[in-house]
């Protein structure tokens, strides 16, 4: 078990340091809500069915220049009422993720179709692998632009809608109180092409994620879980999201810090199989964002396990 974890960690470092690229959609805003958005191996890892929806908005001066949306779904389609026959029987996870972003004249849509395979190695530890298919669409709304040059080839000629196909993979090792994982999205990054003139192309990039968490059980009603995610940033540098989650039985609260010099705080309230959460993104530097970000999410989980 320890050797497998070391191999995963060394492979993650190799991938991260040898090919750093920028990421387009801000996956890190939603990672603490639905981890499968950046790692397909986590689909249906600890639940039979899980559905999440979330929206991110930046509020600045009375308007919202950035809006991001998430809908994710995961299921473990095992026979016999979805129950495993033994702890050591592998099982499959299927999932889908839809992401949408509005930022000025740009509209981006990303669809992920996910397949995961979970292999129990002990009664409490799982080794998981996952792959996904990515369908990405980027559209430029020229009606919202005022070009300085009337013959701007990027915005005013040809097709302003581009669709491309890609994929990704992920792996994770998880136990009752820990998880370490790595993933790569956009394995074959290609430019968004809008016409036959290369000046209109917009670059897409390969994305890397390494994450880990460990849960500390203090008593029957109180747990503490630190989390860390390493990723590549738009500046082609190593970025991170650090977070501490305090589970108070009827309420979960936490806070974290992002490499973009932003502090975020969140609260999650469970109600039967549902949970409701709110996250506040607060930039520490004025040149990072022109306003605070707000994330509202609703989720539903069926037959959650502590595995």
Protein backbone atom coordinates (compact mmCIF):
# COMPACT_ATOMS: atom_id res chain seq x y z
CA UNK A 1 0.00 0.00 0.00
CA UNK A 2 2.73 2.46 0.94
CA UNK A 3 4.71 1.58 -2.20
CA UNK A 4 1.66 2.19 -4.42
CA UNK A 5 1.13 5.61 -2.85
CA UNK A 6 4.78 6.56 -3.42
CA UNK A 7 4.56 5.51 -7.10
CA UNK A 8 1.43 7.64 -7.61
CA UNK A 9 3.09 10.64 -5.96
CA UNK A 10 6.32 10.38 -8.03
CA UNK A 11 4.36 10.00 -11.25
CA UNK A 12 2.34 13.09 -10.34
CA UNK A 13 5.48 15.18 -9.81
CA UNK A 14 6.92 13.98 -13.13
CA UNK A 15 3.79 15.01 -15.03
CA UNK A 16 3.49 18.33 -13.25
CA UNK A 17 7.05 19.58 -13.63
CA UNK A 18 7.66 18.42 -17.21
CA UNK A 19 4.72 20.10 -18.92
CA UNK A 20 3.14 23.11 -17.25
CA UNK A 21 0.29 24.75 -19.12
CA UNK A 22 -2.47 27.19 -18.31
CA UNK A 23 -6.00 26.14 -17.55
CA UNK A 24 -9.05 27.82 -19.07
CA UNK A 25 -12.14 26.99 -17.04
CA UNK A 26 -11.61 27.71 -13.30
CA UNK A 27 -12.00 24.13 -12.08
CA UNK A 28 -10.60 25.07 -8.68
CA UNK A 29 -13.72 27.05 -7.77
CA UNK A 30 -15.82 23.87 -7.74
CA UNK A 31 -13.29 21.23 -6.68
CA UNK A 32 -14.42 21.18 -3.02
CA UNK A 33 -18.02 20.69 -4.17
CA UNK A 34 -17.60 18.02 -6.87
CA UNK A 35 -14.06 16.54 -7.08
CA UNK A 36 -14.90 14.50 -10.20
CA UNK A 37 -14.70 17.66 -12.32
CA UNK A 38 -10.89 17.35 -12.40
CA UNK A 39 -10.41 13.64 -11.62
CA UNK A 40 -12.58 11.00 -13.33
CA UNK A 41 -11.34 8.22 -11.01
CA UNK A 42 -13.49 9.68 -8.20
CA UNK A 43 -16.84 8.98 -9.89
CA UNK A 44 -19.14 7.06 -7.49
CA UNK A 45 -16.20 6.44 -5.17
CA UNK A 46 -18.12 6.67 -1.86
CA UNK A 47 -21.76 6.77 -2.94
CA UNK A 48 -24.18 4.89 -5.15
CA UNK A 49 -25.67 8.03 -6.69
CA UNK A 50 -24.53 11.64 -6.31
CA UNK A 51 -25.81 14.79 -8.00
CA UNK A 52 -24.32 18.28 -7.60
CA UNK A 53 -25.15 21.68 -8.99
CA UNK A 54 -23.38 24.96 -8.30
CA UNK A 55 -23.05 28.50 -9.62
CA UNK A 56 -20.21 30.98 -9.24
CA UNK A 57 -20.71 34.72 -9.71
CA UNK A 58 -18.33 37.61 -9.31
CA UNK A 59 -20.09 40.66 -7.90
CA UNK A 60 -18.36 43.92 -8.80
CA UNK A 61 -19.89 47.37 -8.73
CA UNK A 62 -23.45 46.19 -9.17
CA UNK A 63 -22.82 43.87 -12.13
CA UNK A 64 -21.56 40.32 -12.65
CA UNK A 65 -18.69 40.15 -15.18
CA UNK A 66 -18.05 36.43 -14.59
CA UNK A 67 -20.55 33.59 -14.17
CA UNK A 68 -19.68 29.87 -13.96
CA UNK A 69 -22.06 26.93 -13.62
CA UNK A 70 -21.65 23.26 -12.74
CA UNK A 71 -23.90 20.21 -12.95
CA UNK A 72 -22.40 16.79 -12.15
CA UNK A 73 -23.83 13.29 -11.83
CA UNK A 74 -22.24 9.99 -10.77
CA UNK A 75 -23.67 6.50 -10.30
CA UNK A 76 -22.37 3.03 -9.48
CA UNK A 77 -24.54 0.75 -11.68
CA UNK A 78 -24.04 -2.52 -9.85
CA UNK A 79 -26.67 -5.27 -10.06
CA UNK A 80 -28.91 -6.48 -7.23
CA UNK A 81 -30.11 -3.11 -5.98
CA UNK A 82 -26.66 -1.60 -6.45
CA UNK A 83 -25.13 -3.58 -3.59
CA UNK A 84 -21.69 -5.17 -3.76
CA UNK A 85 -21.51 -8.88 -2.93
CA UNK A 86 -18.25 -8.49 -0.97
CA UNK A 87 -15.76 -5.88 0.13
CA UNK A 88 -13.22 -7.20 -2.35
CA UNK A 89 -15.41 -7.04 -5.46
CA UNK A 90 -14.37 -4.31 -7.94
CA UNK A 91 -17.09 -1.99 -9.10
CA UNK A 92 -17.71 0.59 -11.81
CA UNK A 93 -18.52 4.28 -11.58
CA UNK A 94 -20.16 6.26 -14.37
CA UNK A 95 -20.51 10.01 -14.44
CA UNK A 96 -21.17 13.16 -16.42
CA UNK A 97 -20.17 16.77 -15.80
CA UNK A 98 -21.42 19.90 -17.54
CA UNK A 99 -19.59 23.20 -17.06
CA UNK A 100 -20.56 26.61 -18.45
CA UNK A 101 -18.82 29.97 -18.23
CA UNK A 102 -19.89 33.48 -19.27
CA UNK A 103 -17.07 36.01 -19.19
CA UNK A 104 -17.66 39.14 -21.25
CA UNK A 105 -18.23 38.17 -24.89
CA UNK A 106 -16.90 34.61 -24.37
CA UNK A 107 -19.19 31.66 -23.66
CA UNK A 108 -17.59 28.29 -22.89
CA UNK A 109 -19.26 24.89 -22.49
CA UNK A 110 -17.52 21.69 -21.37
CA UNK A 111 -19.13 18.23 -21.25
CA UNK A 112 -17.34 15.31 -19.57
CA UNK A 113 -18.42 11.68 -19.90
CA UNK A 114 -16.69 9.58 -17.23
CA UNK A 115 -15.87 5.92 -16.65
CA UNK A 116 -14.18 4.83 -13.39
CA UNK A 117 -13.08 1.42 -12.09
CA UNK A 118 -12.61 0.92 -8.34
CA UNK A 119 -10.50 -1.97 -7.06
CA UNK A 120 -10.66 -2.82 -3.34
CA UNK A 121 -7.20 -3.74 -2.08
CA UNK A 122 -8.21 -4.08 1.60
CA UNK A 123 -11.49 -3.77 3.48
CA UNK A 124 -11.06 -0.01 3.68
CA UNK A 125 -8.69 0.96 0.83
CA UNK A 126 -9.52 1.44 -2.85
CA UNK A 127 -7.31 1.88 -5.89
CA UNK A 128 -9.27 3.71 -8.59
CA UNK A 129 -8.69 4.55 -12.23
CA UNK A 130 -10.82 6.72 -14.48
CA UNK A 131 -10.99 8.17 -17.98
CA UNK A 132 -13.19 10.84 -19.50
CA UNK A 133 -14.19 12.18 -22.89
CA UNK A 134 -14.26 15.97 -23.19
CA UNK A 135 -16.44 17.95 -25.57
CA UNK A 136 -15.54 21.64 -25.43
CA UNK A 137 -17.27 24.56 -27.12
CA UNK A 138 -16.10 28.18 -27.18
CA UNK A 139 -18.20 30.97 -28.66
CA UNK A 140 -17.45 34.67 -29.13
CA UNK A 141 -20.49 36.95 -29.19
CA UNK A 142 -19.39 39.76 -31.48
CA UNK A 143 -22.50 41.78 -30.64
CA UNK A 144 -20.99 42.47 -27.22
CA UNK A 145 -17.73 43.82 -28.62
CA UNK A 146 -16.58 47.14 -29.98
CA UNK A 147 -13.54 46.50 -32.13
CA UNK A 148 -10.94 49.20 -32.67
CA UNK A 149 -10.34 47.90 -36.18
CA UNK A 150 -13.31 47.27 -38.43
CA UNK A 151 -11.56 44.35 -40.16
CA UNK A 152 -10.41 42.51 -37.02
CA UNK A 153 -10.05 38.91 -38.37
CA UNK A 154 -10.45 37.33 -34.94
CA UNK A 155 -13.86 38.79 -34.16
CA UNK A 156 -15.59 39.97 -37.29
CA UNK A 157 -14.93 37.29 -39.91
CA UNK A 158 -15.45 33.57 -40.29
CA UNK A 159 -16.98 31.28 -37.68
CA UNK A 160 -17.13 32.58 -34.09
CA UNK A 161 -18.05 29.18 -32.66
CA UNK A 162 -15.48 26.40 -32.16
CA UNK A 163 -15.98 22.80 -30.97
CA UNK A 164 -13.20 20.36 -30.12
CA UNK A 165 -12.89 16.88 -28.59
CA UNK A 166 -10.35 15.74 -26.03
CA UNK A 167 -9.93 13.44 -23.05
CA UNK A 168 -8.29 12.86 -19.71
CA UNK A 169 -7.46 10.27 -17.09
CA UNK A 170 -7.08 10.03 -13.33
CA UNK A 171 -5.93 7.68 -10.59
CA UNK A 172 -6.47 7.70 -6.85
CA UNK A 173 -5.71 5.73 -3.71
CA UNK A 174 -8.27 6.22 -0.96
CA UNK A 175 -9.04 4.85 2.48
CA UNK A 176 -11.43 5.52 5.31
CA UNK A 177 -9.56 8.65 6.39
CA UNK A 178 -7.33 9.65 3.46
CA UNK A 179 -7.14 10.11 -0.30
CA UNK A 180 -4.31 10.91 -2.71
CA UNK A 181 -4.99 11.39 -6.40
CA UNK A 182 -3.60 12.68 -9.67
CA UNK A 183 -5.23 13.53 -12.98
CA UNK A 184 -4.56 15.04 -16.38
CA UNK A 185 -7.22 16.78 -18.48
CA UNK A 186 -6.91 17.86 -22.13
CA UNK A 187 -4.42 15.16 -23.07
CA UNK A 188 -4.32 16.41 -26.68
CA UNK A 189 -4.63 20.19 -26.35
CA UNK A 190 -5.41 21.98 -29.59
CA UNK A 191 -6.29 25.55 -30.44
CA UNK A 192 -9.86 26.73 -30.81
CA UNK A 193 -10.13 27.57 -34.52
CA UNK A 194 -12.67 30.10 -35.76
CA UNK A 195 -11.66 30.54 -39.42
CA UNK A 196 -8.83 29.79 -41.84
CA UNK A 197 -6.68 32.62 -40.48
CA UNK A 198 -4.37 31.51 -37.68
CA UNK A 199 -4.62 34.92 -36.01
CA UNK A 200 -8.13 33.95 -34.89
CA UNK A 201 -6.98 30.82 -33.01
CA UNK A 202 -7.27 30.68 -29.21
CA UNK A 203 -4.94 28.31 -27.37
CA UNK A 204 -6.08 25.43 -25.18
CA UNK A 205 -3.80 23.78 -22.64
CA UNK A 206 -3.09 20.54 -20.82
CA UNK A 207 -4.16 20.61 -17.16
CA UNK A 208 -2.59 18.73 -14.23
CA UNK A 209 -3.97 18.13 -10.74
CA UNK A 210 -2.48 16.45 -7.68
CA UNK A 211 -4.60 16.33 -4.54
CA UNK A 212 -4.62 14.80 -1.10
CA UNK A 213 -6.61 14.96 2.12
CA UNK A 214 -6.61 13.32 5.54
CA UNK A 215 -9.50 13.15 8.00
CA UNK A 216 -8.82 13.41 11.72
CA UNK A 217 -11.65 12.02 13.88
CA UNK A 218 -11.78 13.87 17.19
CA UNK A 219 -15.00 12.32 18.47
CA UNK A 220 -18.31 10.90 17.21
CA UNK A 221 -19.58 14.33 16.08
CA UNK A 222 -16.48 16.30 15.17
CA UNK A 223 -13.89 15.71 12.46
CA UNK A 224 -11.16 17.86 10.95
CA UNK A 225 -9.90 17.38 7.39
CA UNK A 226 -7.04 19.31 5.72
CA UNK A 227 -6.96 19.27 1.91
CA UNK A 228 -4.33 20.29 -0.64
CA UNK A 229 -4.58 20.51 -4.43
CA UNK A 230 -1.58 21.26 -6.67
CA UNK A 231 -2.33 22.47 -10.20
CA UNK A 232 -0.86 24.49 -13.04
CA UNK A 233 -1.87 28.13 -13.40
CA UNK A 234 -2.44 30.53 -16.28
CA UNK A 235 1.07 31.93 -15.70
CA UNK A 236 2.52 28.43 -16.30
CA UNK A 237 3.53 28.14 -12.67
CA UNK A 238 2.61 25.68 -9.93
CA UNK A 239 -0.55 26.75 -8.13
CA UNK A 240 -2.33 25.30 -5.13
CA UNK A 241 -5.58 25.32 -3.18
CA UNK A 242 -5.25 24.59 0.54
CA UNK A 243 -8.31 24.04 2.71
CA UNK A 244 -9.32 22.96 6.20
CA UNK A 245 -12.78 21.42 6.64
CA UNK A 246 -14.40 21.24 10.09
CA UNK A 247 -17.33 18.84 10.25
CA UNK A 248 -19.56 19.67 13.23
CA UNK A 249 -22.13 16.89 12.62
CA UNK A 250 -25.04 19.19 11.66
CA UNK A 251 -22.83 21.77 9.98
CA UNK A 252 -19.60 21.72 8.01
CA UNK A 253 -17.48 24.88 7.81
CA UNK A 254 -14.05 25.58 6.42
CA UNK A 255 -11.67 28.03 4.88
CA UNK A 256 -8.75 27.95 2.49
CA UNK A 257 -6.20 29.89 0.52
CA UNK A 258 -5.49 29.84 -3.22
CA UNK A 259 -2.24 30.67 -4.96
CA UNK A 260 -4.03 33.55 -6.74
CA UNK A 261 -3.88 35.37 -3.38
CA UNK A 262 -7.48 34.62 -2.53
CA UNK A 263 -9.05 33.41 0.73
CA UNK A 264 -12.28 31.41 0.55
CA UNK A 265 -14.64 30.40 3.34
CA UNK A 266 -17.55 28.00 3.06
CA UNK A 267 -20.39 26.40 5.00
CA UNK A 268 -22.37 23.25 4.18
CA UNK A 269 -25.62 22.17 5.79
CA UNK A 270 -26.90 18.59 5.32
CA UNK A 271 -30.61 17.81 5.31
CA UNK A 272 -31.47 14.11 4.96
CA UNK A 273 -29.83 13.12 1.64
CA UNK A 274 -29.46 16.73 0.49
CA UNK A 275 -26.86 19.33 1.33
CA UNK A 276 -26.71 23.06 0.73
CA UNK A 277 -23.51 25.09 0.70
CA UNK A 278 -22.21 28.62 0.22
CA UNK A 279 -18.63 29.71 -0.54
CA UNK A 280 -17.23 33.24 -0.49
CA UNK A 281 -14.11 34.00 -2.57
CA UNK A 282 -12.19 37.02 -1.26
CA UNK A 283 -9.18 38.34 -3.23
CA UNK A 284 -6.30 39.82 -1.26
CA UNK A 285 -4.86 41.73 -4.22
CA UNK A 286 -6.80 44.26 -6.24
CA UNK A 287 -5.24 43.07 -9.51
CA UNK A 288 -6.50 39.49 -9.01
CA UNK A 289 -10.23 40.15 -9.29
CA UNK A 290 -12.31 43.31 -9.31
CA UNK A 291 -14.85 41.89 -6.90
CA UNK A 292 -15.70 39.04 -4.55
CA UNK A 293 -16.90 35.69 -5.82
CA UNK A 294 -19.90 33.79 -4.48
CA UNK A 295 -20.67 30.09 -4.97
CA UNK A 296 -24.06 28.56 -4.17
CA UNK A 297 -24.52 24.79 -4.47
CA UNK A 298 -27.11 22.07 -3.90
CA UNK A 299 -26.35 18.35 -3.86
CA UNK A 300 -28.05 14.99 -3.33
CA UNK A 301 -26.37 11.73 -2.26
CA UNK A 302 -27.85 8.23 -2.02
CA UNK A 303 -26.27 5.38 -0.01
CA UNK A 304 -23.09 7.14 0.98
CA UNK A 305 -20.36 4.87 2.36
CA UNK A 306 -17.40 5.47 4.68
CA UNK A 307 -15.10 3.41 2.48
